[in-house]
Amino acid sequence: MYKHILFATDLTEDTDYLVAKVRDIRQLTNAKLSLVHVVEPLPGYSYAYLGIEDIEGQLIEEARQSIEKLGEKLSVTISDLHVEVGPTKTKILKIAEDIQADLIVCGSHGRHGLSLLLGSTANAILHGAKCDVLTVRLPEEQ
């Protein structure tokens, strides 16, 4: 059975759907749970258009607040909440390795055509992880 689950979340409206799945897995396994959200850095040229405001800092702070609320909802301690800045796949896999997670849970949209060929974050995690990965198919947008 799994001992440490890492829930990789993008903190969007799909998160609530995944929370139910994570709760079920956690209940079955009685595993420790950690959460991770990755803020992609803004490209350097974007600052010319966005001005001198610290947009990235605001995104990081909003992510911290959101992941803390999610952590409360899932009874996860502050020390097991991770907000990272960088390439999503790389950061999620690094956290999973650092905390010795034996399962990563993330959502996946059904992709077709060019999106499928280019891959997705879930696909990158699936192929790069050293532990099991559960990708949960997210409901189609209506």
N, C-alpha and C. Protein backbone atom coordinates (compact mmCIF):
# COMPACT_ATOMS: atom_id res chain seq x y z
N MET A 1 0.83 -1.20 0.00
CA MET A 1 0.00 0.00 0.00
C MET A 1 0.87 1.26 0.00
N TYR A 2 0.28 2.32 -0.47
CA TYR A 2 1.00 3.58 -0.55
C TYR A 2 1.16 4.18 0.85
N LYS A 3 2.33 4.79 1.06
CA LYS A 3 2.63 5.39 2.35
C LYS A 3 2.66 6.92 2.29
N HIS A 4 2.99 7.48 1.10
CA HIS A 4 3.08 8.93 0.97
C HIS A 4 2.60 9.33 -0.43
N ILE A 5 1.50 10.06 -0.46
CA ILE A 5 0.88 10.50 -1.71
C ILE A 5 1.20 11.98 -1.92
N LEU A 6 1.59 12.31 -3.15
CA LEU A 6 1.78 13.70 -3.54
C LEU A 6 0.66 14.08 -4.50
N PHE A 7 -0.15 15.03 -4.12
CA PHE A 7 -1.24 15.53 -4.95
C PHE A 7 -0.74 16.79 -5.65
N ALA A 8 -0.52 16.70 -6.95
CA ALA A 8 -0.07 17.83 -7.75
C ALA A 8 -1.31 18.53 -8.30
N THR A 9 -1.49 19.78 -7.92
CA THR A 9 -2.71 20.50 -8.28
C THR A 9 -2.39 21.80 -9.00
N ASP A 10 -3.26 22.15 -9.94
CA ASP A 10 -3.12 23.44 -10.62
C ASP A 10 -4.01 24.50 -9.97
N LEU A 11 -4.73 24.11 -8.92
CA LEU A 11 -5.57 25.02 -8.14
C LEU A 11 -6.66 25.69 -8.99
N THR A 12 -7.16 24.98 -9.98
CA THR A 12 -8.26 25.50 -10.80
C THR A 12 -9.57 24.90 -10.31
N GLU A 13 -10.64 25.17 -11.04
CA GLU A 13 -11.95 24.63 -10.66
C GLU A 13 -11.97 23.11 -10.69
N ASP A 14 -11.05 22.48 -11.42
CA ASP A 14 -10.99 21.02 -11.47
C ASP A 14 -10.50 20.40 -10.15
N THR A 15 -9.90 21.21 -9.31
CA THR A 15 -9.33 20.71 -8.06
C THR A 15 -10.37 20.02 -7.19
N ASP A 16 -11.57 20.56 -7.11
CA ASP A 16 -12.61 19.96 -6.27
C ASP A 16 -12.93 18.53 -6.72
N TYR A 17 -12.94 18.30 -8.01
CA TYR A 17 -13.19 16.95 -8.54
C TYR A 17 -12.08 16.00 -8.08
N LEU A 18 -10.85 16.46 -8.12
CA LEU A 18 -9.72 15.63 -7.73
C LEU A 18 -9.66 15.40 -6.22
N VAL A 19 -10.09 16.39 -5.45
CA VAL A 19 -10.07 16.27 -3.98
C VAL A 19 -10.84 15.03 -3.53
N ALA A 20 -11.99 14.78 -4.12
CA ALA A 20 -12.79 13.61 -3.76
C ALA A 20 -12.01 12.32 -4.03
N LYS A 21 -11.31 12.27 -5.15
CA LYS A 21 -10.52 11.09 -5.49
C LYS A 21 -9.37 10.91 -4.51
N VAL A 22 -8.69 12.00 -4.20
CA VAL A 22 -7.55 11.95 -3.28
C VAL A 22 -8.02 11.50 -1.90
N ARG A 23 -9.16 12.02 -1.44
CA ARG A 23 -9.70 11.60 -0.15
C ARG A 23 -9.96 10.09 -0.12
N ASP A 24 -10.55 9.57 -1.20
CA ASP A 24 -10.84 8.13 -1.28
C ASP A 24 -9.57 7.30 -1.20
N ILE A 25 -8.55 7.69 -1.96
CA ILE A 25 -7.29 6.95 -1.96
C ILE A 25 -6.63 7.02 -0.59
N ARG A 26 -6.66 8.19 -0.01
CA ARG A 26 -6.05 8.37 1.31
C ARG A 26 -6.76 7.53 2.36
N GLN A 27 -8.08 7.47 2.27
CA GLN A 27 -8.86 6.68 3.22
C GLN A 27 -8.53 5.19 3.08
N LEU A 28 -8.38 4.73 1.84
CA LEU A 28 -8.05 3.32 1.60
C LEU A 28 -6.65 2.95 2.07
N THR A 29 -5.71 3.88 1.91
CA THR A 29 -4.31 3.57 2.19
C THR A 29 -3.81 4.08 3.53
N ASN A 30 -4.52 5.05 4.09
CA ASN A 30 -4.08 5.72 5.33
C ASN A 30 -2.69 6.34 5.15
N ALA A 31 -2.43 6.82 3.94
CA ALA A 31 -1.12 7.37 3.60
C ALA A 31 -1.01 8.84 4.03
N LYS A 32 0.23 9.27 4.21
CA LYS A 32 0.52 10.67 4.43
C LYS A 32 0.24 11.39 3.11
N LEU A 33 -0.21 12.65 3.18
CA LEU A 33 -0.53 13.40 1.98
C LEU A 33 0.24 14.71 1.96
N SER A 34 0.84 14.99 0.81
CA SER A 34 1.49 16.28 0.56
C SER A 34 0.86 16.89 -0.68
N LEU A 35 0.87 18.22 -0.75
CA LEU A 35 0.31 18.93 -1.90
C LEU A 35 1.40 19.77 -2.56
N VAL A 36 1.34 19.86 -3.87
CA VAL A 36 2.28 20.73 -4.59
C VAL A 36 1.54 21.48 -5.68
N HIS A 37 1.90 22.76 -5.81
CA HIS A 37 1.43 23.59 -6.92
C HIS A 37 2.65 24.31 -7.46
N VAL A 38 2.76 24.36 -8.78
CA VAL A 38 3.90 25.02 -9.41
C VAL A 38 3.44 26.25 -10.17
N VAL A 39 4.08 27.37 -9.89
CA VAL A 39 3.84 28.61 -10.60
C VAL A 39 4.90 28.70 -11.70
N GLU A 40 4.44 28.73 -12.93
CA GLU A 40 5.37 28.86 -14.06
C GLU A 40 5.91 30.29 -14.07
N PRO A 41 7.23 30.45 -14.19
CA PRO A 41 7.78 31.81 -14.24
C PRO A 41 7.33 32.53 -15.51
N LEU A 42 7.13 33.83 -15.37
CA LEU A 42 6.75 34.63 -16.53
C LEU A 42 7.98 34.85 -17.41
N PRO A 43 7.80 34.78 -18.72
CA PRO A 43 8.94 35.05 -19.60
C PRO A 43 9.44 36.48 -19.42
N GLY A 44 10.72 36.68 -19.57
CA GLY A 44 11.33 37.99 -19.36
C GLY A 44 10.70 39.10 -20.17
N TYR A 45 10.32 38.82 -21.41
CA TYR A 45 9.74 39.87 -22.25
C TYR A 45 8.38 40.33 -21.76
N SER A 46 7.70 39.52 -20.94
CA SER A 46 6.36 39.89 -20.49
C SER A 46 6.39 41.11 -19.56
N TYR A 47 7.52 41.33 -18.89
CA TYR A 47 7.60 42.47 -17.97
C TYR A 47 7.50 43.79 -18.72
N ALA A 48 7.92 43.81 -19.98
CA ALA A 48 7.82 45.03 -20.78
C ALA A 48 6.36 45.39 -21.01
N TYR A 49 5.50 44.38 -21.07
CA TYR A 49 4.08 44.62 -21.32
C TYR A 49 3.29 44.78 -20.02
N LEU A 50 3.74 44.13 -18.97
CA LEU A 50 2.99 44.15 -17.72
C LEU A 50 3.38 45.28 -16.79
N GLY A 51 4.47 45.95 -17.07
CA GLY A 51 4.91 47.03 -16.21
C GLY A 51 5.80 46.50 -15.10
N ILE A 52 6.01 47.33 -14.11
CA ILE A 52 6.96 46.97 -13.05
C ILE A 52 6.31 46.28 -11.86
N GLU A 53 5.02 46.04 -11.92
CA GLU A 53 4.35 45.35 -10.82
C GLU A 53 4.94 43.96 -10.65
N ASP A 54 4.92 43.48 -9.44
CA ASP A 54 5.43 42.15 -9.15
C ASP A 54 4.32 41.12 -9.37
N ILE A 55 4.01 40.87 -10.63
CA ILE A 55 2.93 39.95 -10.98
C ILE A 55 3.28 38.54 -10.49
N GLU A 56 4.51 38.12 -10.73
CA GLU A 56 4.92 36.77 -10.33
C GLU A 56 4.80 36.61 -8.81
N GLY A 57 5.21 37.62 -8.06
CA GLY A 57 5.09 37.58 -6.60
C GLY A 57 3.65 37.46 -6.16
N GLN A 58 2.75 38.17 -6.87
CA GLN A 58 1.32 38.08 -6.55
C GLN A 58 0.78 36.68 -6.84
N LEU A 59 1.23 36.09 -7.97
CA LEU A 59 0.80 34.73 -8.31
C LEU A 59 1.26 33.73 -7.25
N ILE A 60 2.47 33.90 -6.78
CA ILE A 60 3.01 33.00 -5.76
C ILE A 60 2.23 33.15 -4.46
N GLU A 61 1.94 34.38 -4.07
CA GLU A 61 1.19 34.61 -2.83
C GLU A 61 -0.22 34.05 -2.93
N GLU A 62 -0.87 34.26 -4.06
CA GLU A 62 -2.22 33.70 -4.25
C GLU A 62 -2.18 32.17 -4.21
N ALA A 63 -1.15 31.58 -4.80
CA ALA A 63 -1.00 30.13 -4.78
C ALA A 63 -0.80 29.63 -3.35
N ARG A 64 0.00 30.33 -2.58
CA ARG A 64 0.22 29.94 -1.17
C ARG A 64 -1.10 29.96 -0.38
N GLN A 65 -1.87 31.03 -0.57
CA GLN A 65 -3.15 31.13 0.13
C GLN A 65 -4.10 30.03 -0.29
N SER A 66 -4.16 29.76 -1.59
CA SER A 66 -5.07 28.72 -2.10
C SER A 66 -4.66 27.34 -1.63
N ILE A 67 -3.37 27.06 -1.64
CA ILE A 67 -2.93 25.72 -1.24
C ILE A 67 -3.10 25.52 0.27
N GLU A 68 -3.00 26.61 1.03
CA GLU A 68 -3.25 26.51 2.47
C GLU A 68 -4.72 26.17 2.74
N LYS A 69 -5.63 26.80 2.00
CA LYS A 69 -7.06 26.48 2.14
C LYS A 69 -7.32 25.03 1.76
N LEU A 70 -6.70 24.58 0.68
CA LEU A 70 -6.86 23.19 0.25
C LEU A 70 -6.26 22.25 1.29
N GLY A 71 -5.14 22.64 1.84
CA GLY A 71 -4.50 21.84 2.90
C GLY A 71 -5.41 21.69 4.11
N GLU A 72 -6.10 22.77 4.49
CA GLU A 72 -7.05 22.69 5.60
C GLU A 72 -8.18 21.73 5.27
N LYS A 73 -8.68 21.82 4.04
CA LYS A 73 -9.78 20.96 3.60
C LYS A 73 -9.40 19.48 3.65
N LEU A 74 -8.12 19.19 3.37
CA LEU A 74 -7.64 17.80 3.32
C LEU A 74 -6.85 17.39 4.57
N SER A 75 -6.83 18.27 5.57
CA SER A 75 -6.09 18.00 6.82
C SER A 75 -4.61 17.71 6.57
N VAL A 76 -3.99 18.58 5.78
CA VAL A 76 -2.57 18.45 5.47
C VAL A 76 -1.83 19.55 6.23
N THR A 77 -0.74 19.19 6.90
CA THR A 77 0.02 20.17 7.67
C THR A 77 0.74 21.14 6.75
N ILE A 78 1.03 22.33 7.26
CA ILE A 78 1.71 23.38 6.50
C ILE A 78 3.04 22.88 5.94
N SER A 79 3.75 22.07 6.70
CA SER A 79 5.06 21.58 6.24
C SER A 79 4.95 20.64 5.05
N ASP A 80 3.75 20.14 4.78
CA ASP A 80 3.54 19.23 3.65
C ASP A 80 2.87 19.93 2.46
N LEU A 81 2.86 21.27 2.49
CA LEU A 81 2.34 22.07 1.38
C LEU A 81 3.52 22.69 0.65
N HIS A 82 3.54 22.56 -0.66
CA HIS A 82 4.67 23.05 -1.44
C HIS A 82 4.19 23.93 -2.58
N VAL A 83 4.71 25.16 -2.64
CA VAL A 83 4.49 26.04 -3.78
C VAL A 83 5.87 26.28 -4.38
N GLU A 84 6.04 25.89 -5.63
CA GLU A 84 7.32 26.00 -6.31
C GLU A 84 7.20 26.93 -7.50
N VAL A 85 8.31 27.47 -7.94
CA VAL A 85 8.36 28.30 -9.13
C VAL A 85 9.34 27.66 -10.10
N GLY A 86 8.87 27.42 -11.33
CA GLY A 86 9.75 26.83 -12.34
C GLY A 86 8.96 25.96 -13.29
N PRO A 87 9.67 25.11 -14.03
CA PRO A 87 8.98 24.20 -14.95
C PRO A 87 8.16 23.18 -14.17
N THR A 88 6.90 23.07 -14.49
CA THR A 88 5.96 22.26 -13.71
C THR A 88 6.43 20.82 -13.54
N LYS A 89 6.71 20.14 -14.64
CA LYS A 89 7.11 18.73 -14.58
C LYS A 89 8.34 18.55 -13.67
N THR A 90 9.36 19.35 -13.90
CA THR A 90 10.61 19.23 -13.15
C THR A 90 10.39 19.42 -11.66
N LYS A 91 9.63 20.44 -11.31
CA LYS A 91 9.41 20.74 -9.89
C LYS A 91 8.58 19.66 -9.21
N ILE A 92 7.54 19.16 -9.88
CA ILE A 92 6.71 18.11 -9.28
C ILE A 92 7.53 16.85 -9.05
N LEU A 93 8.31 16.46 -10.04
CA LEU A 93 9.13 15.25 -9.91
C LEU A 93 10.19 15.42 -8.83
N LYS A 94 10.76 16.62 -8.70
CA LYS A 94 11.77 16.88 -7.66
C LYS A 94 11.15 16.79 -6.27
N ILE A 95 9.99 17.39 -6.08
CA ILE A 95 9.31 17.32 -4.78
C ILE A 95 8.97 15.86 -4.46
N ALA A 96 8.45 15.14 -5.44
CA ALA A 96 8.09 13.72 -5.22
C ALA A 96 9.30 12.93 -4.75
N GLU A 97 10.44 13.18 -5.37
CA GLU A 97 11.66 12.48 -4.97
C GLU A 97 12.12 12.93 -3.58
N ASP A 98 12.11 14.23 -3.34
CA ASP A 98 12.57 14.78 -2.05
C ASP A 98 11.76 14.24 -0.88
N ILE A 99 10.44 14.12 -1.05
CA ILE A 99 9.60 13.67 0.07
C ILE A 99 9.39 12.15 0.05
N GLN A 100 10.00 11.49 -0.94
CA GLN A 100 9.90 10.03 -1.09
C GLN A 100 8.44 9.58 -1.25
N ALA A 101 7.72 10.31 -2.11
CA ALA A 101 6.35 9.93 -2.41
C ALA A 101 6.37 8.61 -3.18
N ASP A 102 5.40 7.77 -2.92
CA ASP A 102 5.31 6.53 -3.69
C ASP A 102 4.10 6.55 -4.63
N LEU A 103 3.36 7.67 -4.62
CA LEU A 103 2.27 7.87 -5.58
C LEU A 103 2.09 9.36 -5.82
N ILE A 104 2.01 9.73 -7.09
CA ILE A 104 1.68 11.10 -7.47
C ILE A 104 0.29 11.06 -8.09
N VAL A 105 -0.59 11.94 -7.64
CA VAL A 105 -1.93 12.05 -8.20
C VAL A 105 -2.04 13.40 -8.89
N CYS A 106 -2.51 13.38 -10.14
CA CYS A 106 -2.71 14.63 -10.86
C CYS A 106 -3.87 14.46 -11.83
N GLY A 107 -4.41 15.56 -12.28
CA GLY A 107 -5.51 15.53 -13.23
C GLY A 107 -5.01 15.54 -14.65
N SER A 108 -5.85 15.04 -15.56
CA SER A 108 -5.50 15.02 -16.96
C SER A 108 -6.73 15.31 -17.80
N HIS A 109 -6.59 16.24 -18.71
CA HIS A 109 -7.66 16.51 -19.68
C HIS A 109 -7.48 15.55 -20.84
N GLY A 110 -8.56 15.11 -21.42
CA GLY A 110 -8.46 14.29 -22.62
C GLY A 110 -7.94 15.17 -23.75
N ARG A 111 -6.84 14.80 -24.34
CA ARG A 111 -6.24 15.59 -25.41
C ARG A 111 -6.33 14.83 -26.72
N HIS A 112 -6.45 15.59 -27.77
CA HIS A 112 -6.52 14.99 -29.10
C HIS A 112 -5.66 15.82 -30.04
N GLY A 113 -5.28 15.24 -31.14
CA GLY A 113 -4.58 15.98 -32.18
C GLY A 113 -3.24 16.51 -31.72
N LEU A 114 -2.98 17.78 -32.04
CA LEU A 114 -1.69 18.39 -31.77
C LEU A 114 -1.37 18.41 -30.28
N SER A 115 -2.35 18.66 -29.43
CA SER A 115 -2.12 18.68 -27.99
C SER A 115 -1.61 17.33 -27.51
N LEU A 116 -2.13 16.26 -28.08
CA LEU A 116 -1.70 14.92 -27.70
C LEU A 116 -0.26 14.70 -28.13
N LEU A 117 0.10 15.15 -29.33
CA LEU A 117 1.46 14.96 -29.82
C LEU A 117 2.47 15.75 -29.01
N LEU A 118 2.10 16.94 -28.61
CA LEU A 118 3.02 17.79 -27.84
C LEU A 118 3.13 17.35 -26.39
N GLY A 119 2.15 16.61 -25.93
CA GLY A 119 2.20 16.12 -24.56
C GLY A 119 1.56 17.10 -23.60
N SER A 120 1.52 16.72 -22.34
CA SER A 120 0.93 17.54 -21.31
C SER A 120 1.73 17.36 -20.03
N THR A 121 1.40 18.13 -19.03
CA THR A 121 2.08 17.99 -17.75
C THR A 121 1.87 16.59 -17.19
N ALA A 122 0.63 16.11 -17.24
CA ALA A 122 0.35 14.77 -16.71
C ALA A 122 1.17 13.71 -17.43
N ASN A 123 1.27 13.83 -18.74
CA ASN A 123 2.05 12.88 -19.53
C ASN A 123 3.53 12.95 -19.16
N ALA A 124 4.04 14.16 -18.99
CA ALA A 124 5.44 14.33 -18.62
C ALA A 124 5.73 13.74 -17.25
N ILE A 125 4.81 13.93 -16.31
CA ILE A 125 4.98 13.36 -14.97
C ILE A 125 4.94 11.84 -15.05
N LEU A 126 3.99 11.32 -15.80
CA LEU A 126 3.84 9.88 -15.96
C LEU A 126 5.13 9.23 -16.45
N HIS A 127 5.76 9.84 -17.42
CA HIS A 127 6.95 9.25 -18.02
C HIS A 127 8.24 9.58 -17.27
N GLY A 128 8.21 10.57 -16.38
CA GLY A 128 9.43 10.95 -15.67
C GLY A 128 9.49 10.50 -14.22
N ALA A 129 8.38 10.05 -13.68
CA ALA A 129 8.33 9.72 -12.25
C ALA A 129 9.03 8.41 -11.94
N LYS A 130 9.61 8.35 -10.75
CA LYS A 130 10.24 7.13 -10.26
C LYS A 130 9.28 6.34 -9.36
N CYS A 131 8.07 6.85 -9.23
CA CYS A 131 7.06 6.17 -8.42
C CYS A 131 5.79 6.01 -9.27
N ASP A 132 4.77 5.43 -8.69
CA ASP A 132 3.50 5.28 -9.40
C ASP A 132 2.85 6.65 -9.61
N VAL A 133 2.10 6.75 -10.69
CA VAL A 133 1.39 7.99 -11.00
C VAL A 133 -0.05 7.63 -11.33
N LEU A 134 -0.98 8.33 -10.70
CA LEU A 134 -2.39 8.17 -11.02
C LEU A 134 -2.85 9.46 -11.67
N THR A 135 -3.20 9.37 -12.94
CA THR A 135 -3.78 10.52 -13.63
C THR A 135 -5.28 10.33 -13.66
N VAL A 136 -5.99 11.29 -13.14
CA VAL A 136 -7.44 11.22 -13.06
C VAL A 136 -8.02 12.02 -14.22
N ARG A 137 -8.83 11.37 -15.03
CA ARG A 137 -9.44 12.05 -16.17
C ARG A 137 -10.43 13.07 -15.63
N LEU A 138 -10.21 14.31 -16.00
CA LEU A 138 -11.09 15.38 -15.56
C LEU A 138 -12.33 15.43 -16.45
N PRO A 139 -13.45 15.85 -15.87
CA PRO A 139 -14.68 15.92 -16.67
C PRO A 139 -14.52 16.90 -17.82
N GLU A 140 -15.14 16.59 -18.94
CA GLU A 140 -15.12 17.46 -20.10
C GLU A 140 -15.88 18.74 -19.79
N GLU A 141 -15.37 19.86 -20.32
CA GLU A 141 -16.08 21.14 -20.16
C GLU A 141 -17.31 21.13 -21.04
N GLN A 142 -18.40 21.62 -20.50
CA GLN A 142 -19.66 21.64 -21.25
C GLN A 142 -19.82 22.91 -22.03
